[in-house]
């Protein structure tokens, strides 16, 4: 086998992690955008999200993991925080929707320092 595993390795890993998460009682909310983190003292205890139907969803959690993928689809932030201009002197993957929302929410809660 070549380094990196088989082509179906990622799919198998996702399937195994999904099965384990469901067995632990994790619920999944697809196409649901987190709008705001909820902070109590020095801890993030949950978040407010919006469902595709526009319904507000309050989620309380012992831990919140922000895994939004950065800000590659935000040319203004790219210029501000890297000094590069998108598609002029910097080429990125620019995945649609990666505007930096998770980073912004973390900054607002004081759990991540703004980029210098």
C-alpha atoms as a PDB file:
ATOM      1  CA  UNK A   1       0.000   0.000   0.000  1.00  0.00           C
ATOM      2  CA  UNK A   2       1.230   3.503  -0.804  1.00  0.00           C
ATOM      3  CA  UNK A   3       1.801   6.016   1.998  1.00  0.00           C
ATOM      4  CA  UNK A   4      -1.425   7.786   2.955  1.00  0.00           C
ATOM      5  CA  UNK A   5      -3.677   4.731   2.794  1.00  0.00           C
ATOM      6  CA  UNK A   6      -6.234   3.667   0.248  1.00  0.00           C
ATOM      7  CA  UNK A   7      -8.543   6.048  -1.638  1.00  0.00           C
ATOM      8  CA  UNK A   8     -11.436   4.998   0.613  1.00  0.00           C
ATOM      9  CA  UNK A   9      -9.451   5.604   3.830  1.00  0.00           C
ATOM     10  CA  UNK A  10     -11.049   9.020   4.521  1.00  0.00           C
ATOM     11  CA  UNK A  11     -14.546   7.713   3.809  1.00  0.00           C
ATOM     12  CA  UNK A  12     -14.002   4.751   6.130  1.00  0.00           C
ATOM     13  CA  UNK A  13     -12.631   7.019   8.866  1.00  0.00           C
ATOM     14  CA  UNK A  14     -15.621   9.378   8.559  1.00  0.00           C
ATOM     15  CA  UNK A  15     -18.001   6.423   8.737  1.00  0.00           C
ATOM     16  CA  UNK A  16     -16.276   5.048  11.866  1.00  0.00           C
ATOM     17  CA  UNK A  17     -16.238   8.461  13.589  1.00  0.00           C
ATOM     18  CA  UNK A  18     -19.906   9.082  12.713  1.00  0.00           C
ATOM     19  CA  UNK A  19     -20.896   5.687  14.111  1.00  0.00           C
ATOM     20  CA  UNK A  20     -18.957   6.351  17.330  1.00  0.00           C
ATOM     21  CA  UNK A  21     -20.409   9.861  17.700  1.00  0.00           C
ATOM     22  CA  UNK A  22     -23.969   8.558  17.267  1.00  0.00           C
ATOM     23  CA  UNK A  23     -23.332   5.827  19.841  1.00  0.00           C
ATOM     24  CA  UNK A  24     -22.288   8.574  22.291  1.00  0.00           C
ATOM     25  CA  UNK A  25     -25.493  10.526  21.661  1.00  0.00           C
ATOM     26  CA  UNK A  26     -24.054  13.236  19.405  1.00  0.00           C
ATOM     27  CA  UNK A  27     -26.661  14.956  17.240  1.00  0.00           C
ATOM     28  CA  UNK A  28     -25.853  16.347  13.800  1.00  0.00           C
ATOM     29  CA  UNK A  29     -27.299  19.552  12.328  1.00  0.00           C
ATOM     30  CA  UNK A  30     -26.342  19.995   8.689  1.00  0.00           C
ATOM     31  CA  UNK A  31     -26.533  23.361   6.894  1.00  0.00           C
ATOM     32  CA  UNK A  32     -26.943  25.007  10.304  1.00  0.00           C
ATOM     33  CA  UNK A  33     -24.851  28.140  10.843  1.00  0.00           C
ATOM     34  CA  UNK A  34     -23.498  29.078  14.258  1.00  0.00           C
ATOM     35  CA  UNK A  35     -24.284  32.746  14.850  1.00  0.00           C
ATOM     36  CA  UNK A  36     -22.912  33.323  18.347  1.00  0.00           C
ATOM     37  CA  UNK A  37     -20.968  31.554  21.068  1.00  0.00           C
ATOM     38  CA  UNK A  38     -22.326  31.537  24.623  1.00  0.00           C
ATOM     39  CA  UNK A  39     -19.845  32.355  27.372  1.00  0.00           C
ATOM     40  CA  UNK A  40     -20.235  31.935  31.136  1.00  0.00           C
ATOM     41  CA  UNK A  41     -17.303  33.264  33.127  1.00  0.00           C
ATOM     42  CA  UNK A  42     -14.172  32.069  31.352  1.00  0.00           C
ATOM     43  CA  UNK A  43     -15.853  29.134  29.590  1.00  0.00           C
ATOM     44  CA  UNK A  44     -17.695  28.705  26.328  1.00  0.00           C
ATOM     45  CA  UNK A  45     -20.790  26.700  27.307  1.00  0.00           C
ATOM     46  CA  UNK A  46     -22.608  26.501  23.993  1.00  0.00           C
ATOM     47  CA  UNK A  47     -23.789  28.425  20.978  1.00  0.00           C
ATOM     48  CA  UNK A  48     -26.770  29.845  19.124  1.00  0.00           C
ATOM     49  CA  UNK A  49     -27.250  28.560  15.587  1.00  0.00           C
ATOM     50  CA  UNK A  50     -29.743  29.042  12.777  1.00  0.00           C
ATOM     51  CA  UNK A  51     -31.315  26.117  10.931  1.00  0.00           C
ATOM     52  CA  UNK A  52     -31.943  26.159   7.159  1.00  0.00           C
ATOM     53  CA  UNK A  53     -35.584  26.981   7.967  1.00  0.00           C
ATOM     54  CA  UNK A  54     -34.506  30.098   9.901  1.00  0.00           C
ATOM     55  CA  UNK A  55     -35.218  28.591  13.320  1.00  0.00           C
ATOM     56  CA  UNK A  56     -32.918  29.528  16.215  1.00  0.00           C
ATOM     57  CA  UNK A  57     -31.208  26.596  17.875  1.00  0.00           C
ATOM     58  CA  UNK A  58     -29.670  26.833  21.360  1.00  0.00           C
ATOM     59  CA  UNK A  59     -26.990  24.223  21.998  1.00  0.00           C
ATOM     60  CA  UNK A  60     -25.337  23.788  25.390  1.00  0.00           C
ATOM     61  CA  UNK A  61     -22.065  21.888  25.412  1.00  0.00           C
ATOM     62  CA  UNK A  62     -19.157  20.941  27.674  1.00  0.00           C
ATOM     63  CA  UNK A  63     -16.825  21.770  24.783  1.00  0.00           C
ATOM     64  CA  UNK A  64     -17.115  23.682  21.511  1.00  0.00           C
ATOM     65  CA  UNK A  65     -14.660  23.039  18.696  1.00  0.00           C
ATOM     66  CA  UNK A  66     -14.392  25.748  16.064  1.00  0.00           C
ATOM     67  CA  UNK A  67     -13.442  24.057  12.799  1.00  0.00           C
ATOM     68  CA  UNK A  68     -14.638  26.503  10.170  1.00  0.00           C
ATOM     69  CA  UNK A  69     -11.658  26.398   7.869  1.00  0.00           C
ATOM     70  CA  UNK A  70     -10.276  29.917   8.072  1.00  0.00           C
ATOM     71  CA  UNK A  71     -10.976  32.934   5.881  1.00  0.00           C
ATOM     72  CA  UNK A  72      -9.821  31.954   2.387  1.00  0.00           C
ATOM     73  CA  UNK A  73     -13.042  33.344   0.834  1.00  0.00           C
ATOM     74  CA  UNK A  74     -12.614  36.764   2.444  1.00  0.00           C
ATOM     75  CA  UNK A  75     -10.329  38.950   0.274  1.00  0.00           C
ATOM     76  CA  UNK A  76     -10.587  41.866   2.746  1.00  0.00           C
ATOM     77  CA  UNK A  77      -9.274  39.759   5.643  1.00  0.00           C
ATOM     78  CA  UNK A  78      -6.584  38.237   3.439  1.00  0.00           C
ATOM     79  CA  UNK A  79      -5.354  41.743   2.623  1.00  0.00           C
ATOM     80  CA  UNK A  80      -5.694  42.984   6.218  1.00  0.00           C
ATOM     81  CA  UNK A  81      -4.059  40.021   7.979  1.00  0.00           C
ATOM     82  CA  UNK A  82      -1.513  38.815   5.421  1.00  0.00           C
ATOM     83  CA  UNK A  83      -0.747  41.919   3.384  1.00  0.00           C
ATOM     84  CA  UNK A  84      -1.410  39.995   0.170  1.00  0.00           C
ATOM     85  CA  UNK A  85      -4.076  40.719  -2.396  1.00  0.00           C
ATOM     86  CA  UNK A  86      -6.160  37.721  -3.412  1.00  0.00           C
ATOM     87  CA  UNK A  87      -5.547  36.595  -7.010  1.00  0.00           C
ATOM     88  CA  UNK A  88      -2.931  39.319  -7.483  1.00  0.00           C
ATOM     89  CA  UNK A  89      -0.032  38.149  -5.334  1.00  0.00           C
ATOM     90  CA  UNK A  90      -1.717  35.251  -3.511  1.00  0.00           C
ATOM     91  CA  UNK A  91      -3.597  32.279  -4.922  1.00  0.00           C
ATOM     92  CA  UNK A  92      -5.654  30.211  -2.467  1.00  0.00           C
ATOM     93  CA  UNK A  93      -8.199  27.436  -2.745  1.00  0.00           C
ATOM     94  CA  UNK A  94     -10.918  29.955  -1.815  1.00  0.00           C
ATOM     95  CA  UNK A  95     -13.558  27.515  -0.654  1.00  0.00           C
ATOM     96  CA  UNK A  96     -16.937  29.240  -0.893  1.00  0.00           C
ATOM     97  CA  UNK A  97     -18.279  30.377   2.471  1.00  0.00           C
ATOM     98  CA  UNK A  98     -14.999  30.410   4.417  1.00  0.00           C
ATOM     99  CA  UNK A  99     -15.286  34.038   5.484  1.00  0.00           C
ATOM    100  CA  UNK A 100     -13.729  33.764   8.969  1.00  0.00           C
ATOM    101  CA  UNK A 101     -16.970  33.486  10.951  1.00  0.00           C
ATOM    102  CA  UNK A 102     -15.539  31.031  13.478  1.00  0.00           C
ATOM    103  CA  UNK A 103     -12.420  33.133  13.977  1.00  0.00           C
ATOM    104  CA  UNK A 104     -14.558  36.267  14.443  1.00  0.00           C
ATOM    105  CA  UNK A 105     -16.735  34.538  17.060  1.00  0.00           C
ATOM    106  CA  UNK A 106     -13.648  33.365  18.949  1.00  0.00           C
ATOM    107  CA  UNK A 107     -12.239  36.925  18.912  1.00  0.00           C
ATOM    108  CA  UNK A 108     -15.543  38.286  20.232  1.00  0.00           C
ATOM    109  CA  UNK A 109     -15.445  35.831  23.148  1.00  0.00           C
ATOM    110  CA  UNK A 110     -11.794  36.553  23.892  1.00  0.00           C
ATOM    111  CA  UNK A 111     -10.805  32.895  23.405  1.00  0.00           C
ATOM    112  CA  UNK A 112      -8.465  33.708  20.525  1.00  0.00           C
ATOM    113  CA  UNK A 113      -6.355  36.804  20.052  1.00  0.00           C
ATOM    114  CA  UNK A 114      -6.900  38.748  16.809  1.00  0.00           C
ATOM    115  CA  UNK A 115      -4.220  38.291  14.186  1.00  0.00           C
ATOM    116  CA  UNK A 116      -1.494  40.906  14.286  1.00  0.00           C
END
